[in-house]
N, C-alpha and C. Protein backbone atom coordinates (compact mmCIF):
# COMPACT_ATOMS: atom_id res chain seq x y z
N MET A 1 -26.44 12.83 -18.36
CA MET A 1 -25.08 12.54 -18.11
C MET A 1 -24.27 13.48 -16.95
N GLU A 2 -23.77 12.51 -15.88
CA GLU A 2 -23.57 13.35 -14.73
C GLU A 2 -21.84 14.37 -14.70
N LYS A 3 -21.74 15.50 -14.32
CA LYS A 3 -20.11 16.19 -14.59
C LYS A 3 -19.79 15.42 -13.56
N ARG A 4 -18.38 15.65 -14.13
CA ARG A 4 -17.37 14.89 -12.66
C ARG A 4 -16.17 15.82 -12.91
N THR A 5 -16.01 16.39 -12.04
CA THR A 5 -14.03 16.52 -12.62
C THR A 5 -12.76 15.81 -11.86
N ALA A 6 -11.88 16.16 -12.80
CA ALA A 6 -10.55 14.83 -12.20
C ALA A 6 -9.35 15.43 -11.88
N ILE A 7 -8.87 15.02 -11.01
CA ILE A 7 -7.04 15.82 -10.94
C ILE A 7 -6.47 14.81 -11.71
N ALA A 8 -4.58 15.53 -11.90
CA ALA A 8 -3.99 14.46 -12.47
C ALA A 8 -2.49 15.10 -11.47
N ALA A 9 -1.73 13.97 -10.72
CA ALA A 9 -0.79 13.50 -10.40
C ALA A 9 0.34 13.70 -11.52
N VAL A 10 1.24 14.34 -11.56
CA VAL A 10 1.96 14.32 -12.95
C VAL A 10 3.57 14.37 -12.09
N TYR A 11 4.15 13.21 -12.49
CA TYR A 11 4.85 12.56 -11.89
C TYR A 11 6.83 13.24 -13.05
N PRO A 12 7.21 13.16 -12.22
CA PRO A 12 8.81 14.11 -12.91
C PRO A 12 9.78 12.99 -13.96
N GLU A 13 9.00 11.24 -13.81
CA GLU A 13 9.90 10.39 -14.22
C GLU A 13 8.60 9.56 -14.84
N PRO A 14 8.72 8.21 -15.57
CA PRO A 14 7.99 7.46 -16.20
C PRO A 14 8.27 6.38 -14.57
N PHE A 15 6.68 5.79 -14.73
CA PHE A 15 6.80 4.69 -13.49
C PHE A 15 5.69 3.42 -14.36
N ASP A 16 6.22 2.18 -13.23
CA ASP A 16 5.12 0.81 -13.49
C ASP A 16 3.95 0.78 -12.64
N PRO A 17 3.17 1.37 -13.70
CA PRO A 17 1.68 1.27 -12.32
C PRO A 17 1.43 -0.35 -11.51
N ALA A 18 2.43 -1.35 -12.33
CA ALA A 18 1.98 -2.28 -11.28
C ALA A 18 2.72 -2.21 -10.37
N VAL A 19 3.41 -1.66 -9.86
CA VAL A 19 4.33 -1.27 -9.04
C VAL A 19 4.52 -0.21 -8.03
N HIS A 20 3.50 0.94 -8.21
CA HIS A 20 3.70 2.25 -8.02
C HIS A 20 3.09 2.43 -6.47
N PRO A 21 4.03 2.61 -6.09
CA PRO A 21 3.16 2.69 -4.11
C PRO A 21 1.88 3.39 -4.15
N TYR A 22 1.59 4.72 -4.81
CA TYR A 22 0.32 5.60 -5.00
C TYR A 22 -1.03 4.05 -5.13
N LEU A 23 -0.53 3.86 -6.33
CA LEU A 23 -1.24 2.98 -6.96
C LEU A 23 -1.57 1.81 -5.47
N ASP A 24 -0.66 0.93 -5.65
CA ASP A 24 -0.67 0.01 -4.33
C ASP A 24 -1.68 0.09 -3.73
N VAL A 25 -1.12 1.37 -2.75
CA VAL A 25 -2.20 1.60 -1.15
C VAL A 25 -3.36 1.77 -1.99
N THR A 26 -3.68 2.21 -2.86
CA THR A 26 -5.18 2.34 -3.12
C THR A 26 -5.41 1.29 -3.48
N ARG A 27 -5.26 0.84 -4.34
CA ARG A 27 -6.06 -0.73 -4.45
C ARG A 27 -5.39 -1.73 -3.25
N LEU A 28 -4.90 -1.97 -1.87
CA LEU A 28 -4.93 -2.14 -0.72
C LEU A 28 -6.54 -1.89 0.18
N PHE A 29 -6.61 -0.33 -0.08
CA PHE A 29 -7.37 0.78 0.71
C PHE A 29 -9.44 0.02 0.03
N ILE A 30 -9.19 -0.11 -1.70
CA ILE A 30 -10.68 -0.57 -1.82
C ILE A 30 -10.98 -2.37 -1.47
N GLU A 31 -9.42 -3.18 -1.60
CA GLU A 31 -9.65 -3.95 -1.04
C GLU A 31 -10.63 -4.48 0.40
N CYS A 32 -10.08 -2.92 1.51
CA CYS A 32 -10.64 -3.29 2.43
C CYS A 32 -11.94 -2.31 3.02
N GLY A 33 -13.01 -2.02 1.69
CA GLY A 33 -13.42 -1.16 1.39
C GLY A 33 -13.61 0.00 1.93
N LEU A 34 -12.50 0.58 1.73
CA LEU A 34 -12.64 2.12 2.24
C LEU A 34 -13.01 3.42 1.32
N PRO A 35 -13.23 4.38 1.49
CA PRO A 35 -13.58 5.40 0.60
C PRO A 35 -13.21 5.45 -0.06
N VAL A 36 -11.90 5.46 -0.78
CA VAL A 36 -10.71 6.59 -2.25
C VAL A 36 -11.19 7.44 -3.57
N PRO A 37 -10.48 7.79 -3.72
CA PRO A 37 -10.98 8.49 -5.23
C PRO A 37 -10.33 7.32 -6.46
N GLN A 38 -11.30 7.12 -6.78
CA GLN A 38 -10.97 6.49 -8.12
C GLN A 38 -10.17 6.63 -9.36
N VAL A 39 -9.27 5.29 -9.27
CA VAL A 39 -8.05 6.26 -10.07
C VAL A 39 -8.81 6.00 -11.73
N TYR A 40 -8.76 7.00 -12.62
CA TYR A 40 -9.65 6.91 -13.92
C TYR A 40 -8.45 6.23 -15.08
N GLU A 41 -6.41 6.79 -14.87
CA GLU A 41 -6.30 6.17 -16.20
C GLU A 41 -4.83 6.36 -15.14
N ALA A 42 -4.24 5.12 -15.45
CA ALA A 42 -2.47 5.50 -15.22
C ALA A 42 -1.89 5.49 -16.09
N ASP A 43 -0.69 6.32 -16.83
CA ASP A 43 -0.33 5.97 -17.81
C ASP A 43 1.09 6.20 -17.03
N GLY A 44 1.47 5.07 -17.13
CA GLY A 44 3.19 5.30 -16.32
C GLY A 44 4.51 5.67 -17.54
N ALA A 45 4.56 5.55 -18.42
CA ALA A 45 4.97 6.43 -19.91
C ALA A 45 5.33 7.14 -19.74
N ALA A 46 3.94 7.83 -19.28
CA ALA A 46 4.16 10.05 -19.51
C ALA A 46 4.00 10.00 -17.65
N GLY A 47 4.16 8.83 -17.29
CA GLY A 47 4.09 9.62 -15.57
C GLY A 47 2.96 10.51 -14.86
N VAL A 48 1.59 9.54 -15.30
CA VAL A 48 0.16 10.79 -14.89
C VAL A 48 -0.96 9.31 -14.61
N ILE A 49 -0.81 10.01 -12.98
CA ILE A 49 -2.51 9.67 -12.53
C ILE A 49 -3.35 10.04 -12.96
N VAL A 50 -4.44 9.80 -13.32
CA VAL A 50 -6.07 10.99 -13.59
C VAL A 50 -6.78 9.84 -12.86
N GLN A 51 -7.36 11.14 -11.82
CA GLN A 51 -8.03 10.32 -10.27
C GLN A 51 -9.06 11.19 -10.50
N GLU A 52 -10.42 10.52 -9.51
CA GLU A 52 -11.68 11.32 -8.82
C GLU A 52 -11.30 12.36 -8.12
N ASP A 53 -11.88 13.47 -8.18
CA ASP A 53 -11.64 14.63 -7.72
C ASP A 53 -12.97 15.04 -6.23
N LEU A 54 -12.47 14.52 -5.10
CA LEU A 54 -13.34 15.12 -4.53
C LEU A 54 -13.64 15.94 -3.85
N GLY A 55 -12.87 16.70 -4.00
CA GLY A 55 -13.16 18.33 -3.31
C GLY A 55 -12.08 18.61 -2.61
N ASP A 56 -12.82 18.86 -1.49
CA ASP A 56 -12.39 19.08 0.01
C ASP A 56 -11.88 18.32 1.27
N GLU A 57 -12.93 17.11 0.76
CA GLU A 57 -13.30 16.82 1.94
C GLU A 57 -11.92 16.03 2.47
N GLN A 58 -11.55 15.36 3.14
CA GLN A 58 -10.13 14.62 3.64
C GLN A 58 -11.01 13.27 4.25
N LEU A 59 -10.42 12.13 4.07
CA LEU A 59 -10.18 10.99 4.57
C LEU A 59 -10.41 10.80 6.34
N PHE A 60 -9.40 11.29 6.31
CA PHE A 60 -9.05 11.30 8.20
C PHE A 60 -10.82 12.42 8.45
N LYS A 61 -10.88 13.83 8.00
CA LYS A 61 -12.02 14.28 8.32
C LYS A 61 -13.59 12.76 8.57
N VAL A 62 -13.69 12.50 7.67
CA VAL A 62 -14.80 11.03 7.77
C VAL A 62 -14.80 10.79 8.98
N PHE A 63 -13.61 10.13 8.90
CA PHE A 63 -13.43 9.26 9.88
C PHE A 63 -13.58 9.52 11.30
N GLU A 64 -13.22 10.90 11.46
CA GLU A 64 -13.43 11.66 12.93
C GLU A 64 -15.12 11.83 12.86
N THR A 65 -16.15 11.93 12.16
CA THR A 65 -17.42 12.15 12.14
C THR A 65 -18.36 10.82 11.99
N ALA A 66 -17.66 9.94 11.86
CA ALA A 66 -18.16 8.50 11.88
C ALA A 66 -18.66 7.66 13.14
N ASN A 67 -19.43 7.17 13.12
CA ASN A 67 -19.93 6.40 14.26
C ASN A 67 -19.42 5.95 14.86
N ARG A 68 -18.57 5.30 15.40
CA ARG A 68 -17.43 4.36 16.35
C ARG A 68 -18.34 3.77 16.61
């Protein structure tokens, strides 16, 4: 079994996952085929989003080195 790490974003208040801005943008990026961290769980009542940890690599740096 592959070992993975995750990070959690903990918000100060509950939220509705259906209209949360971060989750909306993540869905939009996925639909466009952009490489974004996988969201493992979004618990709006607890105010927590758990997502894939991509380490120190930042998306804009991936685009800087991509073939144009």
